[in-house]
Amino acid sequence: MTIYFNPVGTVHQTAHDGRSGEAQRNELGKDQFLHLLITQLKYQDPFKPLNDHEFIAQLAQFSSLEQMQNLNTNMVAMMLSQQKLTALGEATRMIGKYVELRTHDGEQLYGEVTGVQFKDGWPQLIVGGKLYGFDEVVAIVKGGE
């Protein structure tokens, strides 16, 4: 069986036993990759040590994997911040408008949005002195029509 690693964190295993020849994909995180690299160094043949070029290439792949994971984490955080800012903009535009709400309890209400307040990092609408989420809004109308 041959195992090779690419910089995006995917391990490909190819069977050489003549049964199928299809490649299987498994995710490999940086901890597993480091463990695999240490195991490879631990059990290498002392008469055929790992080639310097191969070792440097594997370290470069590990570094690339770590940087991509950090980039992915930062992108997710940035997208969440953008979603919260967009929700805040939408919520503030609803102040003074009348909304029809269907609460999570099944209650149906109609009232004016009088303000916006944050709950768990997300803006909530204040209608009738209570907080409601965007997922409870059924309709929006300009005035009390």
N, C-alpha and C. Protein backbone atom coordinates (compact mmCIF):
# COMPACT_ATOMS: atom_id res chain seq x y z
N MET A 1 0.85 -1.17 0.00
CA MET A 1 0.00 0.00 0.00
C MET A 1 0.90 1.23 0.00
N THR A 2 0.58 2.20 -0.84
CA THR A 2 1.32 3.44 -0.93
C THR A 2 0.49 4.55 -0.33
N ILE A 3 1.09 5.37 0.51
CA ILE A 3 0.42 6.51 1.11
C ILE A 3 1.18 7.75 0.69
N TYR A 4 0.47 8.73 0.15
CA TYR A 4 1.12 9.99 -0.16
C TYR A 4 0.24 11.12 0.34
N PHE A 5 0.85 12.26 0.59
CA PHE A 5 0.21 13.40 1.23
C PHE A 5 0.32 14.60 0.32
N ASN A 6 -0.78 15.34 0.18
CA ASN A 6 -0.69 16.60 -0.57
C ASN A 6 -0.95 17.76 0.39
N PRO A 7 -0.60 18.99 0.03
CA PRO A 7 -0.65 20.12 0.95
C PRO A 7 -2.04 20.51 1.44
N VAL A 8 -3.11 20.05 0.83
CA VAL A 8 -4.43 20.45 1.30
C VAL A 8 -4.95 19.51 2.37
N GLY A 9 -4.14 18.62 2.86
CA GLY A 9 -4.52 17.80 4.00
C GLY A 9 -5.26 16.54 3.63
N THR A 10 -5.05 16.00 2.44
CA THR A 10 -5.74 14.79 2.04
C THR A 10 -4.71 13.68 1.87
N VAL A 11 -5.02 12.54 2.42
CA VAL A 11 -4.17 11.37 2.25
C VAL A 11 -4.82 10.48 1.22
N HIS A 12 -4.04 10.01 0.29
CA HIS A 12 -4.54 9.07 -0.71
C HIS A 12 -3.86 7.74 -0.45
N GLN A 13 -4.66 6.68 -0.35
CA GLN A 13 -4.12 5.35 -0.18
C GLN A 13 -4.49 4.54 -1.41
N THR A 14 -3.51 3.90 -1.99
CA THR A 14 -3.77 3.08 -3.16
C THR A 14 -3.36 1.66 -2.84
N ALA A 15 -4.27 0.73 -3.02
CA ALA A 15 -3.98 -0.68 -2.74
C ALA A 15 -3.20 -1.27 -3.90
N HIS A 16 -2.17 -2.09 -3.58
CA HIS A 16 -1.37 -2.75 -4.60
C HIS A 16 -1.50 -4.26 -4.47
N ASP A 17 -2.62 -4.72 -3.94
CA ASP A 17 -2.79 -6.15 -3.76
C ASP A 17 -3.55 -6.78 -4.91
N GLY A 18 -3.85 -6.02 -5.95
CA GLY A 18 -4.51 -6.56 -7.13
C GLY A 18 -6.02 -6.66 -7.02
N ARG A 19 -6.60 -6.26 -5.88
CA ARG A 19 -8.04 -6.40 -5.71
C ARG A 19 -8.81 -5.33 -6.44
N SER A 20 -8.56 -4.05 -6.17
CA SER A 20 -9.40 -3.03 -6.79
C SER A 20 -8.59 -1.95 -7.51
N GLY A 21 -7.53 -1.45 -6.93
CA GLY A 21 -6.75 -0.39 -7.54
C GLY A 21 -7.38 0.98 -7.41
N GLU A 22 -8.53 1.11 -6.72
CA GLU A 22 -9.18 2.42 -6.55
C GLU A 22 -8.55 3.14 -5.37
N ALA A 23 -8.42 4.46 -5.51
CA ALA A 23 -7.84 5.28 -4.43
C ALA A 23 -8.92 5.65 -3.43
N GLN A 24 -8.54 5.62 -2.18
CA GLN A 24 -9.45 6.04 -1.12
C GLN A 24 -8.94 7.36 -0.56
N ARG A 25 -9.88 8.25 -0.20
CA ARG A 25 -9.51 9.55 0.37
C ARG A 25 -9.90 9.59 1.83
N ASN A 26 -8.95 9.98 2.68
CA ASN A 26 -9.20 10.19 4.10
C ASN A 26 -8.60 11.53 4.48
N GLU A 27 -9.24 12.24 5.38
CA GLU A 27 -8.71 13.52 5.83
C GLU A 27 -7.57 13.28 6.81
N LEU A 28 -6.52 14.08 6.71
CA LEU A 28 -5.37 13.99 7.59
C LEU A 28 -5.10 15.37 8.15
N GLY A 29 -5.23 15.51 9.45
CA GLY A 29 -4.98 16.79 10.09
C GLY A 29 -3.50 16.95 10.40
N LYS A 30 -3.15 18.15 10.88
CA LYS A 30 -1.73 18.39 11.13
C LYS A 30 -1.18 17.52 12.26
N ASP A 31 -2.00 17.18 13.25
CA ASP A 31 -1.53 16.31 14.33
C ASP A 31 -1.23 14.91 13.82
N GLN A 32 -2.13 14.39 12.97
CA GLN A 32 -1.92 13.06 12.42
C GLN A 32 -0.71 13.04 11.48
N PHE A 33 -0.56 14.13 10.69
CA PHE A 33 0.58 14.21 9.78
C PHE A 33 1.90 14.23 10.56
N LEU A 34 1.96 15.02 11.63
CA LEU A 34 3.17 15.08 12.45
C LEU A 34 3.45 13.73 13.09
N HIS A 35 2.41 13.07 13.57
CA HIS A 35 2.58 11.74 14.17
C HIS A 35 3.11 10.75 13.12
N LEU A 36 2.57 10.82 11.90
CA LEU A 36 3.02 9.95 10.82
C LEU A 36 4.48 10.22 10.48
N LEU A 37 4.87 11.49 10.44
CA LEU A 37 6.24 11.86 10.12
C LEU A 37 7.20 11.37 11.20
N ILE A 38 6.83 11.52 12.46
CA ILE A 38 7.67 11.05 13.57
C ILE A 38 7.81 9.53 13.53
N THR A 39 6.71 8.84 13.26
CA THR A 39 6.75 7.38 13.16
C THR A 39 7.65 6.95 12.01
N GLN A 40 7.57 7.67 10.89
CA GLN A 40 8.42 7.36 9.74
C GLN A 40 9.89 7.52 10.11
N LEU A 41 10.23 8.58 10.82
CA LEU A 41 11.62 8.80 11.22
C LEU A 41 12.08 7.74 12.25
N LYS A 42 11.19 7.37 13.13
CA LYS A 42 11.51 6.41 14.20
C LYS A 42 11.83 5.03 13.63
N TYR A 43 11.10 4.62 12.59
CA TYR A 43 11.26 3.27 12.06
C TYR A 43 12.01 3.20 10.73
N GLN A 44 12.70 4.26 10.37
CA GLN A 44 13.42 4.22 9.10
C GLN A 44 14.63 3.30 9.19
N ASP A 45 15.03 2.79 8.08
CA ASP A 45 16.19 1.90 7.99
C ASP A 45 17.45 2.74 8.20
N PRO A 46 18.27 2.42 9.22
CA PRO A 46 19.47 3.23 9.48
C PRO A 46 20.48 3.19 8.33
N PHE A 47 20.39 2.14 7.49
CA PHE A 47 21.30 2.05 6.37
C PHE A 47 20.77 2.80 5.15
N LYS A 48 19.49 3.15 5.18
CA LYS A 48 18.87 3.95 4.11
C LYS A 48 18.06 5.07 4.76
N PRO A 49 18.74 6.04 5.34
CA PRO A 49 17.99 7.12 6.00
C PRO A 49 17.15 7.91 5.00
N LEU A 50 16.17 8.60 5.55
CA LEU A 50 15.28 9.41 4.73
C LEU A 50 16.09 10.46 3.97
N ASN A 51 15.85 10.56 2.71
CA ASN A 51 16.54 11.53 1.86
C ASN A 51 16.23 12.94 2.37
N ASP A 52 17.25 13.80 2.42
CA ASP A 52 17.07 15.18 2.89
C ASP A 52 16.00 15.90 2.09
N HIS A 53 15.97 15.68 0.79
CA HIS A 53 15.00 16.36 -0.06
C HIS A 53 13.58 15.91 0.28
N GLU A 54 13.41 14.61 0.53
CA GLU A 54 12.09 14.10 0.90
C GLU A 54 11.64 14.68 2.24
N PHE A 55 12.58 14.73 3.20
CA PHE A 55 12.26 15.25 4.53
C PHE A 55 11.87 16.72 4.45
N ILE A 56 12.62 17.50 3.71
CA ILE A 56 12.32 18.93 3.56
C ILE A 56 10.98 19.12 2.86
N ALA A 57 10.70 18.30 1.86
CA ALA A 57 9.42 18.38 1.15
C ALA A 57 8.27 18.07 2.10
N GLN A 58 8.45 17.07 2.95
CA GLN A 58 7.39 16.72 3.90
C GLN A 58 7.18 17.83 4.93
N LEU A 59 8.27 18.44 5.39
CA LEU A 59 8.13 19.56 6.32
C LEU A 59 7.45 20.75 5.65
N ALA A 60 7.76 20.98 4.39
CA ALA A 60 7.12 22.07 3.65
C ALA A 60 5.62 21.78 3.49
N GLN A 61 5.27 20.53 3.24
CA GLN A 61 3.86 20.16 3.14
C GLN A 61 3.16 20.36 4.48
N PHE A 62 3.84 20.00 5.56
CA PHE A 62 3.27 20.19 6.89
C PHE A 62 3.04 21.67 7.16
N SER A 63 4.01 22.50 6.80
CA SER A 63 3.88 23.94 7.00
C SER A 63 2.73 24.49 6.15
N SER A 64 2.61 24.03 4.92
CA SER A 64 1.52 24.47 4.05
C SER A 64 0.17 24.08 4.62
N LEU A 65 0.09 22.86 5.13
CA LEU A 65 -1.16 22.38 5.74
C LEU A 65 -1.55 23.27 6.91
N GLU A 66 -0.60 23.58 7.76
CA GLU A 66 -0.88 24.41 8.93
C GLU A 66 -1.33 25.81 8.51
N GLN A 67 -0.67 26.39 7.52
CA GLN A 67 -1.06 27.72 7.04
C GLN A 67 -2.45 27.71 6.42
N MET A 68 -2.78 26.65 5.68
CA MET A 68 -4.11 26.56 5.08
C MET A 68 -5.19 26.41 6.15
N GLN A 69 -4.89 25.65 7.19
CA GLN A 69 -5.85 25.50 8.27
C GLN A 69 -6.06 26.83 8.99
N ASN A 70 -4.98 27.58 9.21
CA ASN A 70 -5.10 28.90 9.83
C ASN A 70 -5.89 29.85 8.94
N LEU A 71 -5.64 29.80 7.64
CA LEU A 71 -6.36 30.64 6.70
C LEU A 71 -7.85 30.29 6.72
N ASN A 72 -8.15 29.00 6.74
CA ASN A 72 -9.54 28.56 6.78
C ASN A 72 -10.23 29.05 8.06
N THR A 73 -9.56 28.94 9.19
CA THR A 73 -10.12 29.41 10.46
C THR A 73 -10.40 30.91 10.41
N ASN A 74 -9.46 31.67 9.86
CA ASN A 74 -9.64 33.12 9.75
C ASN A 74 -10.77 33.47 8.78
N MET A 75 -10.89 32.74 7.70
CA MET A 75 -11.96 33.00 6.73
C MET A 75 -13.33 32.72 7.35
N VAL A 76 -13.44 31.66 8.11
CA VAL A 76 -14.72 31.33 8.77
C VAL A 76 -15.09 32.43 9.76
N ALA A 77 -14.11 32.89 10.54
CA ALA A 77 -14.37 33.97 11.50
C ALA A 77 -14.77 35.26 10.78
N MET A 78 -14.12 35.55 9.66
CA MET A 78 -14.45 36.75 8.89
C MET A 78 -15.86 36.66 8.30
N MET A 79 -16.22 35.49 7.80
CA MET A 79 -17.55 35.31 7.23
C MET A 79 -18.63 35.46 8.31
N LEU A 80 -18.37 34.94 9.51
CA LEU A 80 -19.33 35.07 10.61
C LEU A 80 -19.49 36.53 11.00
N SER A 81 -18.38 37.26 11.07
CA SER A 81 -18.45 38.69 11.39
C SER A 81 -19.25 39.44 10.33
N GLN A 82 -19.04 39.10 9.06
CA GLN A 82 -19.77 39.75 7.97
C GLN A 82 -21.26 39.45 8.07
N GLN A 83 -21.60 38.21 8.40
CA GLN A 83 -23.01 37.85 8.56
C GLN A 83 -23.66 38.64 9.70
N LYS A 84 -22.93 38.82 10.79
CA LYS A 84 -23.46 39.59 11.93
C LYS A 84 -23.65 41.06 11.55
N LEU A 85 -22.70 41.62 10.81
CA LEU A 85 -22.83 43.01 10.37
C LEU A 85 -24.00 43.19 9.41
N THR A 86 -24.17 42.25 8.51
CA THR A 86 -25.30 42.30 7.57
C THR A 86 -26.62 42.20 8.34
N ALA A 87 -26.69 41.30 9.31
CA ALA A 87 -27.90 41.15 10.12
C ALA A 87 -28.18 42.43 10.90
N LEU A 88 -27.13 43.08 11.42
CA LEU A 88 -27.32 44.34 12.15
C LEU A 88 -27.89 45.41 11.22
N GLY A 89 -27.36 45.50 10.00
CA GLY A 89 -27.87 46.47 9.03
C GLY A 89 -29.33 46.22 8.70
N GLU A 90 -29.69 44.97 8.50
CA GLU A 90 -31.08 44.61 8.20
C GLU A 90 -31.98 44.94 9.39
N ALA A 91 -31.51 44.63 10.59
CA ALA A 91 -32.31 44.88 11.79
C ALA A 91 -32.56 46.37 11.99
N THR A 92 -31.53 47.20 11.82
CA THR A 92 -31.72 48.64 12.03
C THR A 92 -32.64 49.25 10.97
N ARG A 93 -32.64 48.70 9.75
CA ARG A 93 -33.55 49.19 8.72
C ARG A 93 -35.01 48.85 9.03
N MET A 94 -35.22 47.89 9.90
CA MET A 94 -36.59 47.48 10.24
C MET A 94 -37.19 48.33 11.36
N ILE A 95 -36.37 49.15 12.03
CA ILE A 95 -36.90 50.00 13.10
C ILE A 95 -37.94 50.94 12.52
N GLY A 96 -39.10 51.00 13.17
CA GLY A 96 -40.20 51.84 12.71
C GLY A 96 -41.15 51.13 11.76
N LYS A 97 -40.80 49.95 11.32
CA LYS A 97 -41.68 49.19 10.44
C LYS A 97 -42.49 48.19 11.26
N TYR A 98 -43.61 47.81 10.72
CA TYR A 98 -44.45 46.82 11.39
C TYR A 98 -44.14 45.44 10.81
N VAL A 99 -44.12 44.47 11.72
CA VAL A 99 -43.81 43.10 11.31
C VAL A 99 -44.88 42.14 11.82
N GLU A 100 -45.03 41.10 11.08
CA GLU A 100 -45.87 39.99 11.53
C GLU A 100 -44.90 38.90 11.97
N LEU A 101 -45.12 38.38 13.15
CA LEU A 101 -44.22 37.39 13.72
C LEU A 101 -44.96 36.09 13.99
N ARG A 102 -44.27 35.00 13.82
CA ARG A 102 -44.75 33.70 14.26
C ARG A 102 -43.65 33.16 15.16
N THR A 103 -43.91 33.15 16.48
CA THR A 103 -42.88 32.79 17.45
C THR A 103 -42.60 31.28 17.41
N HIS A 104 -41.55 30.91 18.07
CA HIS A 104 -41.18 29.49 18.16
C HIS A 104 -42.23 28.71 18.94
N ASP A 105 -43.01 29.41 19.76
CA ASP A 105 -44.08 28.76 20.52
C ASP A 105 -45.36 28.63 19.71
N GLY A 106 -45.36 29.13 18.47
CA GLY A 106 -46.53 29.05 17.60
C GLY A 106 -47.45 30.25 17.70
N GLU A 107 -47.11 31.22 18.53
CA GLU A 107 -47.94 32.43 18.69
C GLU A 107 -47.73 33.35 17.48
N GLN A 108 -48.81 33.98 17.00
CA GLN A 108 -48.72 34.91 15.89
C GLN A 108 -48.98 36.32 16.41
N LEU A 109 -48.03 37.23 16.13
CA LEU A 109 -48.09 38.61 16.63
C LEU A 109 -47.92 39.59 15.48
N TYR A 110 -48.34 40.83 15.74
CA TYR A 110 -48.17 41.91 14.79
C TYR A 110 -47.79 43.14 15.60
N GLY A 111 -46.69 43.82 15.23
CA GLY A 111 -46.30 45.00 15.98
C GLY A 111 -45.17 45.76 15.32
N GLU A 112 -44.87 46.91 15.92
CA GLU A 112 -43.83 47.79 15.40
C GLU A 112 -42.48 47.41 15.99
N VAL A 113 -41.46 47.42 15.15
CA VAL A 113 -40.09 47.20 15.62
C VAL A 113 -39.63 48.51 16.23
N THR A 114 -39.37 48.50 17.53
CA THR A 114 -38.99 49.73 18.23
C THR A 114 -37.50 49.81 18.52
N GLY A 115 -36.79 48.74 18.30
CA GLY A 115 -35.36 48.77 18.56
C GLY A 115 -34.69 47.45 18.21
N VAL A 116 -33.39 47.45 18.43
CA VAL A 116 -32.57 46.28 18.16
C VAL A 116 -31.67 46.05 19.36
N GLN A 117 -31.51 44.81 19.73
CA GLN A 117 -30.65 44.46 20.87
C GLN A 117 -29.88 43.20 20.52
N PHE A 118 -28.67 43.09 21.01
CA PHE A 118 -27.86 41.91 20.73
C PHE A 118 -28.12 40.83 21.77
N LYS A 119 -28.23 39.60 21.28
CA LYS A 119 -28.38 38.44 22.15
C LYS A 119 -27.50 37.34 21.55
N ASP A 120 -26.55 36.85 22.30
CA ASP A 120 -25.61 35.83 21.84
C ASP A 120 -24.85 36.28 20.59
N GLY A 121 -24.55 37.58 20.51
CA GLY A 121 -23.76 38.12 19.41
C GLY A 121 -24.54 38.42 18.14
N TRP A 122 -25.84 38.16 18.14
CA TRP A 122 -26.68 38.41 16.96
C TRP A 122 -27.74 39.44 17.29
N PRO A 123 -28.08 40.33 16.33
CA PRO A 123 -29.13 41.32 16.60
C PRO A 123 -30.51 40.66 16.67
N GLN A 124 -31.30 41.14 17.61
CA GLN A 124 -32.68 40.69 17.79
C GLN A 124 -33.58 41.91 17.67
N LEU A 125 -34.78 41.72 17.18
CA LEU A 125 -35.74 42.82 17.03
C LEU A 125 -36.55 42.97 18.32
N ILE A 126 -36.80 44.22 18.71
CA ILE A 126 -37.64 44.49 19.86
C ILE A 126 -39.02 44.88 19.33
N VAL A 127 -40.00 44.04 19.64
CA VAL A 127 -41.39 44.27 19.24
C VAL A 127 -42.25 44.06 20.48
N GLY A 128 -42.98 45.10 20.86
CA GLY A 128 -43.82 44.98 22.06
C GLY A 128 -43.02 44.75 23.33
N GLY A 129 -41.79 45.25 23.37
CA GLY A 129 -40.95 45.10 24.56
C GLY A 129 -40.27 43.75 24.70
N LYS A 130 -40.43 42.87 23.71
CA LYS A 130 -39.80 41.54 23.76
C LYS A 130 -38.86 41.37 22.58
N LEU A 131 -37.89 40.47 22.75
CA LEU A 131 -36.92 40.19 21.70
C LEU A 131 -37.39 39.05 20.80
N TYR A 132 -37.20 39.26 19.49
CA TYR A 132 -37.54 38.23 18.51
C TYR A 132 -36.42 38.12 17.49
N GLY A 133 -36.19 36.93 17.02
CA GLY A 133 -35.16 36.69 16.01
C GLY A 133 -35.71 36.86 14.61
N PHE A 134 -34.80 36.98 13.64
CA PHE A 134 -35.21 37.14 12.24
C PHE A 134 -36.00 35.94 11.75
N ASP A 135 -35.71 34.76 12.28
CA ASP A 135 -36.41 33.56 11.82
C ASP A 135 -37.87 33.53 12.25
N GLU A 136 -38.27 34.47 13.12
CA GLU A 136 -39.66 34.53 13.56
C GLU A 136 -40.48 35.56 12.77
N VAL A 137 -39.82 36.33 11.92
CA VAL A 137 -40.51 37.33 11.11
C VAL A 137 -41.14 36.65 9.90
N VAL A 138 -42.46 36.88 9.73
CA VAL A 138 -43.21 36.31 8.60
C VAL A 138 -43.37 37.35 7.50
N ALA A 139 -43.65 38.62 7.90
CA ALA A 139 -43.87 39.67 6.91
C ALA A 139 -43.43 41.01 7.50
N ILE A 140 -43.08 41.94 6.60
CA ILE A 140 -42.69 43.30 6.99
C ILE A 140 -43.53 44.27 6.17
N VAL A 141 -44.12 45.27 6.88
CA VAL A 141 -44.87 46.30 6.18
C VAL A 141 -44.35 47.66 6.62
N LYS A 142 -44.50 48.66 5.79
CA LYS A 142 -43.92 49.97 6.04
C LYS A 142 -44.56 50.68 7.22
N GLY A 143 -45.87 50.76 7.24
CA GLY A 143 -46.55 51.46 8.33
C GLY A 143 -47.51 50.53 9.03
N GLY A 144 -48.37 51.07 9.85
CA GLY A 144 -49.32 50.26 10.60
C GLY A 144 -50.54 49.90 9.79
N GLU A 145 -50.38 49.53 8.56
CA GLU A 145 -51.48 49.24 7.64
C GLU A 145 -52.00 47.85 7.81
